[in-house]
Structures are given as C-alpha cells and as structure tokens.
C-alpha cells in the first residue's frame, strides 16, 4: 500500500461452486497439490481460499506455492511457505474467504503453479470448482506434504477444492479481464491438461502485445 507504482491483479481464478448432489469428496490428514495455469506475470504472489458453501469452519493446516516441474512435483528453488496474517495455518468461517500473506516469487506468465494445501481434519469439499479440466493430486492420509518436492500421490482429481484465486503484484497500470459465461467459458469440451479454454487463448494473445504495454491478467469465472 505504500508503493503507488505497484498493485495486485489476478493471474488465475475459478468460480466457487457447491459439490454435485450426494456426498462431497472428503479429505482427512491429507494434502492437496492443485495445479493452475497463470495468465499474467508478477514478482510477488498470494492465494485465495474459499469456504463460500461450507456450513462449518474450514481449517487449513498449512499451504505452499511453487512453480510446477512436472506432474505433481515442484521446482524446489521456487517453493514458498504461505502464511495467513502471520500464521502458518488458518480457520476460515463458513461463507467466508481467506487471502494469504504475499510472498516473493517470480511468477512467469502462461506457466503452471502448484498450490499445496494441508487438511488435517476430516474435511468435505463443500466449496470447489467442478470442471477444472486439470489434473491435481491428493496425498495419502499421512500428514502435511505441502513442502514435498516429490509429492506422494494417492489419487488424482479434476476439480479445484477451496482454491479460487491467485494474485500477483504488477505495475500501477496493470489490470485483469474477467470472463463471465456458461460452461463454454469454463472450458467444457476442451482438452484436459492442455489449457485450451477460450480465456486461455485470450491470455496467449495478450502476451503478444508490446512489452511496453501494461500487464493484463485473464480470470475465468465461467
């Protein structure tokens, strides 16, 4: 806030949704490694975790952000522990949102980030994004693996539980474009793990602008 030449913009987002009818997926003493694809670059990063549809408080026992190397593994040089108002864990009230403290990390545009969340208690994914079209990873019930370079994979998912946004610091004239719409905006019909939704294509086209132009992120709220 003290530097008027820097502001926060979104580099990735997903609309929070309730689970499909029936019992939502439940996690217990497990870590999630959620993969997202950036649109804008920045030198600092923070994440948003949503308990919008939860009826109980959501405990996040720990969280990390890193550049993805391949699969579920990360580049160890990029790994950053996240905090929430100075604490390594946070409890998010029902219907609320938490924003992490920012960390220094050079985030490239059009790259994959790995956001790792530790869920120590029995936790139902009451807030999620169903049509992720991206493979993410779930650990065994063996504790906090958020800092692991080689993530132990017990199963894979194609949704984004709880994670709804990633912001980066950018110049004062930077901005984000928000894509609203139906499941077509969300990416229905595009290839899993290929980042071929039309907002992804828009982000690619915006990267071809002159380097002197302000940074622009693209947020898919389909």
Foldseek 3Di string as FASTA:
>chain_A
DVDLFKDKEFFEFEAKDFDDPDFFDKDAQKKKWDKDWGLWWAFKKKFKFFLQQPPAKAKWQWKWKAFPDDDSAGDLVGIDTWAFVPHRMDIAGHRGMGMIDMDGGGGHHGGMMIMMTGRNHTDGLRIKAQQQLEKIFMAPSPHDCNNPRDGHGPDIHRMGRRTTTMMHMFTNPEYEAEDDDDVLLVPPPDHRPPQPRVLSVVSVVVVPDDPPDGIYHYYRHD
